[in-house]
Amino acid sequence: MAVTIGMLVASWMCIMLYTMLYGDQPISRFAEHVYMGATAGYYAYINMRFYWDKGVIQMMEPGKILYIIPVILGAMIYTRLYAPTRWMYRYPMALLMGAMLGVSMRTTVFSQIIDQFIVGNLPPNAPLLGVPMGVTINNLIIIIGSLCATVFFIFSHDFAGPTRYIHRIGRLFLLCSFGATYGNTTSYRYELMAGTFISNMLQPSDLLPYTLGFMAVVIIALVAIFKMGISSWD
């Protein structure tokens, strides 16, 4: 029974969220607020549970008194919720951001620059000789695109003469990359939407009448909203 109710609520929320395509109106705003509230509550519980299990409980074990430091720093983050003590949360946030920045800079340089560009995109890992013609063309495109895109990002001054073509080629490769990334993201979102609709709205089949009935209610509500002037197409 609980699973059935959950599937119905999920399908109904999907329908209500996609009414945003018909303009800003109370139905889509209600679904958006419910979604954001549920997400915030879920992650608040997860974070508090992690804080309790990995901090407070660990601190109480013998020989682990040093866990009191992250426990205090974690508690100081929540001082932001109270105006007179809001300044205290800056100290744990500064430590957290500094540690994350230091770790991410090291991993980013090696994993996304050195390993991908120098190790992966240049010979001998991207050979041009002794491989099929299709592989040679692909590797050549990767090498030229990587070099030109890197030059486009690092050197931002105006290029003149023959070097301006390097700048233009790098810009072209970046635009192709951004377009492909956007297309893949859009395709994934549509696949996720179709999968959600099929799994929650059409399976099992005995839930279909309830979903169709709710869709009819939403359509009638939208018509009433626009007719009454609560929202408009503008």
C-alpha atoms as a PDB file:
ATOM      1  CA  MET A   1       0.000   0.000   0.000  1.00  0.00           C
ATOM      2  CA  ALA A   2       2.799   2.409   0.903  1.00  0.00           C
ATOM      3  CA  VAL A   3       4.588   1.637  -2.367  1.00  0.00           C
ATOM      4  CA  THR A   4       1.389   2.260  -4.331  1.00  0.00           C
ATOM      5  CA  ILE A   5       0.818   5.607  -2.632  1.00  0.00           C
ATOM      6  CA  GLY A   6       4.431   6.575  -3.246  1.00  0.00           C
ATOM      7  CA  MET A   7       4.177   5.761  -6.950  1.00  0.00           C
ATOM      8  CA  LEU A   8       0.967   7.746  -7.258  1.00  0.00           C
ATOM      9  CA  VAL A   9       2.449  10.753  -5.487  1.00  0.00           C
ATOM     10  CA  ALA A  10       5.568  10.582  -7.682  1.00  0.00           C
ATOM     11  CA  SER A  11       3.543  10.496 -10.899  1.00  0.00           C
ATOM     12  CA  TRP A  12       1.249  13.286  -9.714  1.00  0.00           C
ATOM     13  CA  MET A  13       4.211  15.467  -8.740  1.00  0.00           C
ATOM     14  CA  CYS A  14       5.769  14.913 -12.176  1.00  0.00           C
ATOM     15  CA  ILE A  15       2.559  16.058 -13.829  1.00  0.00           C
ATOM     16  CA  MET A  16       2.323  19.114 -11.592  1.00  0.00           C
ATOM     17  CA  LEU A  17       5.964  20.069 -12.161  1.00  0.00           C
ATOM     18  CA  TYR A  18       5.640  19.909 -15.938  1.00  0.00           C
ATOM     19  CA  THR A  19       2.695  22.299 -15.858  1.00  0.00           C
ATOM     20  CA  MET A  20       5.437  24.939 -15.624  1.00  0.00           C
ATOM     21  CA  LEU A  21       5.558  24.670 -19.420  1.00  0.00           C
ATOM     22  CA  TYR A  22       2.186  26.442 -19.466  1.00  0.00           C
ATOM     23  CA  GLY A  23       3.439  29.412 -17.483  1.00  0.00           C
ATOM     24  CA  ASP A  24       4.053  30.370 -13.881  1.00  0.00           C
ATOM     25  CA  GLN A  25       0.954  29.336 -11.935  1.00  0.00           C
ATOM     26  CA  PRO A  26       0.048  27.976  -8.467  1.00  0.00           C
ATOM     27  CA  ILE A  27       0.137  24.294  -9.480  1.00  0.00           C
ATOM     28  CA  SER A  28       3.767  24.299 -10.610  1.00  0.00           C
ATOM     29  CA  ARG A  29       4.799  26.554  -7.714  1.00  0.00           C
ATOM     30  CA  PHE A  30       3.204  24.170  -5.216  1.00  0.00           C
ATOM     31  CA  ALA A  31       5.010  21.169  -6.715  1.00  0.00           C
ATOM     32  CA  GLU A  32       8.281  23.099  -6.791  1.00  0.00           C
ATOM     33  CA  HIS A  33       7.980  24.113  -3.140  1.00  0.00           C
ATOM     34  CA  VAL A  34       7.130  20.561  -2.079  1.00  0.00           C
ATOM     35  CA  TYR A  35      10.107  19.202  -4.008  1.00  0.00           C
ATOM     36  CA  MET A  36      12.549  21.746  -2.585  1.00  0.00           C
ATOM     37  CA  GLY A  37      11.216  21.296   0.935  1.00  0.00           C
ATOM     38  CA  ALA A  38      11.426  17.507   0.772  1.00  0.00           C
ATOM     39  CA  THR A  39      14.942  17.670  -0.668  1.00  0.00           C
ATOM     40  CA  ALA A  40      16.128  20.111   1.998  1.00  0.00           C
ATOM     41  CA  GLY A  41      14.597  18.020   4.776  1.00  0.00           C
ATOM     42  CA  TYR A  42      16.125  14.807   3.437  1.00  0.00           C
ATOM     43  CA  TYR A  43      19.635  16.222   3.185  1.00  0.00           C
ATOM     44  CA  ALA A  44      19.314  17.900   6.579  1.00  0.00           C
ATOM     45  CA  TYR A  45      18.504  14.513   8.118  1.00  0.00           C
ATOM     46  CA  ILE A  46      21.378  12.809   6.275  1.00  0.00           C
ATOM     47  CA  ASN A  47      23.862  15.447   7.440  1.00  0.00           C
ATOM     48  CA  MET A  48      22.657  15.379  11.036  1.00  0.00           C
ATOM     49  CA  ARG A  49      22.769  11.586  11.082  1.00  0.00           C
ATOM     50  CA  PHE A  50      26.316  11.598   9.697  1.00  0.00           C
ATOM     51  CA  TYR A  51      27.311  14.244  12.255  1.00  0.00           C
ATOM     52  CA  TRP A  52      25.936  12.124  15.090  1.00  0.00           C
ATOM     53  CA  ASP A  53      27.312   8.747  13.958  1.00  0.00           C
ATOM     54  CA  LYS A  54      30.756   9.876  12.770  1.00  0.00           C
ATOM     55  CA  GLY A  55      31.314  12.663  15.261  1.00  0.00           C
ATOM     56  CA  VAL A  56      29.447  12.454  18.561  1.00  0.00           C
ATOM     57  CA  ILE A  57      29.424   8.650  18.820  1.00  0.00           C
ATOM     58  CA  GLN A  58      33.091   8.396  17.827  1.00  0.00           C
ATOM     59  CA  MET A  59      34.020  11.045  20.393  1.00  0.00           C
ATOM     60  CA  MET A  60      32.530   8.953  23.194  1.00  0.00           C
ATOM     61  CA  GLU A  61      34.732   5.947  22.439  1.00  0.00           C
ATOM     62  CA  PRO A  62      37.949   5.508  24.464  1.00  0.00           C
ATOM     63  CA  GLY A  63      41.006   7.205  23.014  1.00  0.00           C
ATOM     64  CA  LYS A  64      39.084   9.281  20.472  1.00  0.00           C
ATOM     65  CA  ILE A  65      38.674  12.495  22.399  1.00  0.00           C
ATOM     66  CA  LEU A  66      40.154  14.453  19.472  1.00  0.00           C
ATOM     67  CA  TYR A  67      36.858  13.952  17.657  1.00  0.00           C
ATOM     68  CA  ILE A  68      35.570  16.762  19.844  1.00  0.00           C
ATOM     69  CA  ILE A  69      37.278  19.220  17.461  1.00  0.00           C
ATOM     70  CA  PRO A  70      35.169  18.359  14.373  1.00  0.00           C
ATOM     71  CA  VAL A  71      32.101  18.059  16.613  1.00  0.00           C
ATOM     72  CA  ILE A  72      32.570  21.625  17.848  1.00  0.00           C
ATOM     73  CA  LEU A  73      33.321  22.908  14.351  1.00  0.00           C
ATOM     74  CA  GLY A  74      30.242  21.144  13.004  1.00  0.00           C
ATOM     75  CA  ALA A  75      28.067  22.660  15.709  1.00  0.00           C
ATOM     76  CA  MET A  76      29.462  26.109  14.922  1.00  0.00           C
ATOM     77  CA  ILE A  77      28.151  25.860  11.362  1.00  0.00           C
ATOM     78  CA  TYR A  78      24.587  25.864  12.691  1.00  0.00           C
ATOM     79  CA  THR A  79      25.189  29.137  14.547  1.00  0.00           C
ATOM     80  CA  ARG A  80      24.347  30.820  11.253  1.00  0.00           C
ATOM     81  CA  LEU A  81      20.675  30.145  11.980  1.00  0.00           C
ATOM     82  CA  TYR A  82      20.780  32.601  14.919  1.00  0.00           C
ATOM     83  CA  ALA A  83      21.597  36.223  14.097  1.00  0.00           C
ATOM     84  CA  PRO A  84      23.693  37.158  17.201  1.00  0.00           C
ATOM     85  CA  THR A  85      26.022  34.155  16.704  1.00  0.00           C
ATOM     86  CA  ARG A  86      26.041  34.158  12.909  1.00  0.00           C
ATOM     87  CA  TRP A  87      29.661  35.318  12.769  1.00  0.00           C
ATOM     88  CA  MET A  88      30.870  32.073  14.353  1.00  0.00           C
ATOM     89  CA  TYR A  89      30.049  29.908  11.355  1.00  0.00           C
ATOM     90  CA  ARG A  90      32.722  31.669   9.284  1.00  0.00           C
ATOM     91  CA  TYR A  91      35.566  29.830  11.041  1.00  0.00           C
ATOM     92  CA  PRO A  92      34.487  26.238  10.272  1.00  0.00           C
ATOM     93  CA  MET A  93      33.438  27.273   6.770  1.00  0.00           C
ATOM     94  CA  ALA A  94      36.865  28.841   6.176  1.00  0.00           C
ATOM     95  CA  LEU A  95      38.597  25.633   7.292  1.00  0.00           C
ATOM     96  CA  LEU A  96      36.251  23.502   5.206  1.00  0.00           C
ATOM     97  CA  MET A  97      36.624  25.579   2.053  1.00  0.00           C
ATOM     98  CA  GLY A  98      40.398  25.796   2.455  1.00  0.00           C
ATOM     99  CA  ALA A  99      40.771  22.039   2.855  1.00  0.00           C
ATOM    100  CA  MET A 100      38.450  21.301  -0.058  1.00  0.00           C
ATOM    101  CA  LEU A 101      40.248  23.839  -2.258  1.00  0.00           C
ATOM    102  CA  GLY A 102      43.657  22.373  -1.481  1.00  0.00           C
ATOM    103  CA  VAL A 103      42.561  18.806  -2.163  1.00  0.00           C
ATOM    104  CA  SER A 104      40.613  19.692  -5.309  1.00  0.00           C
ATOM    105  CA  MET A 105      43.482  21.739  -6.771  1.00  0.00           C
ATOM    106  CA  ARG A 106      45.874  18.830  -6.459  1.00  0.00           C
ATOM    107  CA  THR A 107      43.469  16.259  -7.876  1.00  0.00           C
ATOM    108  CA  THR A 108      42.272  18.595 -10.629  1.00  0.00           C
ATOM    109  CA  VAL A 109      45.781  19.328 -11.876  1.00  0.00           C
ATOM    110  CA  PHE A 110      46.684  15.648 -12.142  1.00  0.00           C
ATOM    111  CA  SER A 111      43.388  14.044 -13.140  1.00  0.00           C
ATOM    112  CA  GLN A 112      41.942  16.673 -15.477  1.00  0.00           C
ATOM    113  CA  ILE A 113      45.060  18.320 -16.918  1.00  0.00           C
ATOM    114  CA  ILE A 114      48.190  16.177 -16.735  1.00  0.00           C
ATOM    115  CA  ASP A 115      46.609  12.715 -16.977  1.00  0.00           C
ATOM    116  CA  GLN A 116      44.015  13.602 -19.600  1.00  0.00           C
ATOM    117  CA  PHE A 117      45.985  16.036 -21.718  1.00  0.00           C
ATOM    118  CA  ILE A 118      49.627  14.954 -21.574  1.00  0.00           C
ATOM    119  CA  VAL A 119      49.233  11.256 -20.775  1.00  0.00           C
ATOM    120  CA  GLY A 120      46.013  10.460 -22.614  1.00  0.00           C
ATOM    121  CA  ASN A 121      45.759  12.826 -25.584  1.00  0.00           C
ATOM    122  CA  LEU A 122      49.326  12.863 -26.904  1.00  0.00           C
ATOM    123  CA  PRO A 123      51.543  10.152 -28.415  1.00  0.00           C
ATOM    124  CA  PRO A 124      52.353   7.389 -27.643  1.00  0.00           C
ATOM    125  CA  ASN A 125      48.936   6.940 -25.998  1.00  0.00           C
ATOM    126  CA  ALA A 126      47.299   8.566 -29.023  1.00  0.00           C
ATOM    127  CA  PRO A 127      49.414   7.089 -31.862  1.00  0.00           C
ATOM    128  CA  LEU A 128      49.250   8.457 -35.379  1.00  0.00           C
ATOM    129  CA  LEU A 129      51.256   5.718 -37.118  1.00  0.00           C
ATOM    130  CA  GLY A 130      50.776   1.980 -37.248  1.00  0.00           C
ATOM    131  CA  VAL A 131      47.040   2.138 -36.532  1.00  0.00           C
ATOM    132  CA  PRO A 132      43.960   2.094 -38.797  1.00  0.00           C
ATOM    133  CA  MET A 133      43.157   5.282 -40.689  1.00  0.00           C
ATOM    134  CA  GLY A 134      40.028   5.947 -38.618  1.00  0.00           C
ATOM    135  CA  VAL A 135      42.005   5.751 -35.366  1.00  0.00           C
ATOM    136  CA  THR A 136      44.666   8.066 -36.806  1.00  0.00           C
ATOM    137  CA  ILE A 137      42.057  10.668 -37.748  1.00  0.00           C
ATOM    138  CA  ASN A 138      40.404  10.458 -34.323  1.00  0.00           C
ATOM    139  CA  ASN A 139      43.731  10.815 -32.503  1.00  0.00           C
ATOM    140  CA  LEU A 140      44.743  13.725 -34.729  1.00  0.00           C
ATOM    141  CA  ILE A 141      41.477  15.518 -33.970  1.00  0.00           C
ATOM    142  CA  ILE A 142      41.986  14.917 -30.245  1.00  0.00           C
ATOM    143  CA  ILE A 143      45.563  16.243 -30.322  1.00  0.00           C
ATOM    144  CA  ILE A 144      44.730  19.363 -32.343  1.00  0.00           C
ATOM    145  CA  GLY A 145      41.573  20.064 -30.348  1.00  0.00           C
ATOM    146  CA  SER A 146      43.318  19.640 -26.989  1.00  0.00           C
ATOM    147  CA  LEU A 147      46.230  21.908 -27.909  1.00  0.00           C
ATOM    148  CA  CYS A 148      44.093  24.636 -29.484  1.00  0.00           C
ATOM    149  CA  ALA A 149      41.505  24.616 -26.674  1.00  0.00           C
ATOM    150  CA  THR A 150      44.278  24.869 -24.078  1.00  0.00           C
ATOM    151  CA  VAL A 151      45.831  27.809 -25.932  1.00  0.00           C
ATOM    152  CA  PHE A 152      42.412  29.489 -26.136  1.00  0.00           C
ATOM    153  CA  PHE A 153      41.975  29.278 -22.362  1.00  0.00           C
ATOM    154  CA  ILE A 154      45.512  30.120 -21.250  1.00  0.00           C
ATOM    155  CA  PHE A 155      46.326  32.930 -23.700  1.00  0.00           C
ATOM    156  CA  SER A 156      43.478  35.425 -23.688  1.00  0.00           C
ATOM    157  CA  HIS A 157      45.198  38.255 -25.587  1.00  0.00           C
ATOM    158  CA  ASP A 158      44.357  39.143 -29.175  1.00  0.00           C
ATOM    159  CA  PHE A 159      46.023  36.891 -31.714  1.00  0.00           C
ATOM    160  CA  ALA A 160      47.326  38.265 -34.990  1.00  0.00           C
ATOM    161  CA  GLY A 161      48.758  36.663 -38.068  1.00  0.00           C
ATOM    162  CA  PRO A 162      48.793  32.882 -38.490  1.00  0.00           C
ATOM    163  CA  THR A 163      48.373  32.322 -34.738  1.00  0.00           C
ATOM    164  CA  ARG A 164      44.820  33.657 -34.862  1.00  0.00           C
ATOM    165  CA  TYR A 165      43.718  30.403 -36.466  1.00  0.00           C
ATOM    166  CA  ILE A 166      44.836  28.480 -33.372  1.00  0.00           C
ATOM    167  CA  HIS A 167      42.581  30.698 -31.280  1.00  0.00           C
ATOM    168  CA  ARG A 168      39.640  30.190 -33.636  1.00  0.00           C
ATOM    169  CA  ILE A 169      40.106  26.420 -33.838  1.00  0.00           C
ATOM    170  CA  GLY A 170      40.260  26.197 -30.048  1.00  0.00           C
ATOM    171  CA  ARG A 171      37.066  28.224 -29.756  1.00  0.00           C
ATOM    172  CA  LEU A 172      35.376  25.967 -32.310  1.00  0.00           C
ATOM    173  CA  PHE A 173      36.341  22.826 -30.421  1.00  0.00           C
ATOM    174  CA  LEU A 174      35.099  24.314 -27.154  1.00  0.00           C
ATOM    175  CA  LEU A 175      31.754  25.215 -28.703  1.00  0.00           C
ATOM    176  CA  CYS A 176      31.434  21.682 -30.089  1.00  0.00           C
ATOM    177  CA  SER A 177      32.261  20.265 -26.671  1.00  0.00           C
ATOM    178  CA  PHE A 178      29.734  22.472 -24.878  1.00  0.00           C
ATOM    179  CA  GLY A 179      27.066  21.640 -27.442  1.00  0.00           C
ATOM    180  CA  ALA A 180      27.682  17.902 -27.130  1.00  0.00           C
ATOM    181  CA  THR A 181      27.593  18.146 -23.338  1.00  0.00           C
ATOM    182  CA  TYR A 182      24.309  20.051 -23.434  1.00  0.00           C
ATOM    183  CA  GLY A 183      22.842  17.541 -25.879  1.00  0.00           C
ATOM    184  CA  ASN A 184      23.856  14.582 -23.726  1.00  0.00           C
ATOM    185  CA  THR A 185      22.432  16.248 -20.623  1.00  0.00           C
ATOM    186  CA  THR A 186      19.150  17.017 -22.370  1.00  0.00           C
ATOM    187  CA  SER A 187      18.916  13.476 -23.742  1.00  0.00           C
ATOM    188  CA  TYR A 188      19.555  12.032 -20.280  1.00  0.00           C
ATOM    189  CA  ARG A 189      16.867  14.234 -18.736  1.00  0.00           C
ATOM    190  CA  TYR A 190      14.320  13.153 -21.327  1.00  0.00           C
ATOM    191  CA  GLU A 191      15.227   9.500 -20.770  1.00  0.00           C
ATOM    192  CA  LEU A 192      14.827   9.995 -17.025  1.00  0.00           C
ATOM    193  CA  MET A 193      11.466  11.682 -17.546  1.00  0.00           C
ATOM    194  CA  ALA A 194      10.245   8.898 -19.857  1.00  0.00           C
ATOM    195  CA  GLY A 195      11.431   6.221 -17.452  1.00  0.00           C
ATOM    196  CA  THR A 196       9.726   7.918 -14.520  1.00  0.00           C
ATOM    197  CA  PHE A 197       6.481   8.298 -16.429  1.00  0.00           C
ATOM    198  CA  ILE A 198       6.484   4.683 -17.584  1.00  0.00           C
ATOM    199  CA  SER A 199       7.437   3.171 -14.225  1.00  0.00           C
ATOM    200  CA  ASN A 200       5.187   5.342 -12.064  1.00  0.00           C
ATOM    201  CA  MET A 201       2.263   6.136 -14.356  1.00  0.00           C
ATOM    202  CA  LEU A 202       1.803   3.034 -16.497  1.00  0.00           C
ATOM    203  CA  GLN A 203       3.109   0.229 -14.298  1.00  0.00           C
ATOM    204  CA  PRO A 204       1.308  -1.405 -12.652  1.00  0.00           C
ATOM    205  CA  SER A 205      -1.632  -0.950 -14.966  1.00  0.00           C
ATOM    206  CA  ASP A 206      -4.166  -0.646 -12.140  1.00  0.00           C
ATOM    207  CA  LEU A 207      -2.659   2.768 -11.256  1.00  0.00           C
ATOM    208  CA  LEU A 208      -3.314   4.156 -14.736  1.00  0.00           C
ATOM    209  CA  PRO A 209      -6.943   5.234 -14.054  1.00  0.00           C
ATOM    210  CA  TYR A 210      -5.834   7.227 -11.008  1.00  0.00           C
ATOM    211  CA  THR A 211      -3.064   8.931 -12.970  1.00  0.00           C
ATOM    212  CA  LEU A 212      -5.321   9.767 -15.899  1.00  0.00           C
ATOM    213  CA  GLY A 213      -7.952  11.082 -13.512  1.00  0.00           C
ATOM    214  CA  PHE A 214      -5.391  13.298 -11.812  1.00  0.00           C
ATOM    215  CA  MET A 215      -4.206  14.577 -15.211  1.00  0.00           C
ATOM    216  CA  ALA A 216      -7.791  15.544 -16.007  1.00  0.00           C
ATOM    217  CA  VAL A 217      -8.054  17.374 -12.673  1.00  0.00           C
ATOM    218  CA  VAL A 218      -4.808  19.255 -13.376  1.00  0.00           C
ATOM    219  CA  ILE A 219      -5.971  20.259 -16.856  1.00  0.00           C
ATOM    220  CA  ILE A 220      -9.284  21.523 -15.491  1.00  0.00           C
ATOM    221  CA  ALA A 221      -7.443  23.430 -12.755  1.00  0.00           C
ATOM    222  CA  LEU A 222      -5.126  25.030 -15.327  1.00  0.00           C
ATOM    223  CA  VAL A 223      -8.059  26.126 -17.452  1.00  0.00           C
ATOM    224  CA  ALA A 224      -9.769  27.604 -14.393  1.00  0.00           C
ATOM    225  CA  ILE A 225      -6.586  29.416 -13.325  1.00  0.00           C
ATOM    226  CA  PHE A 226      -6.119  31.089 -16.692  1.00  0.00           C
ATOM    227  CA  LYS A 227      -9.818  31.851 -17.102  1.00  0.00           C
ATOM    228  CA  MET A 228     -10.011  33.479 -13.680  1.00  0.00           C
ATOM    229  CA  GLY A 229      -6.951  35.600 -14.414  1.00  0.00           C
ATOM    230  CA  ILE A 230      -4.857  34.157 -11.586  1.00  0.00           C
ATOM    231  CA  SER A 231      -2.080  33.551 -14.130  1.00  0.00           C
ATOM    232  CA  SER A 232      -1.572  34.522 -17.748  1.00  0.00           C
ATOM    233  CA  TRP A 233       0.411  33.393 -20.763  1.00  0.00           C
ATOM    234  CA  ASP A 234       2.569  36.543 -20.668  1.00  0.00           C
END
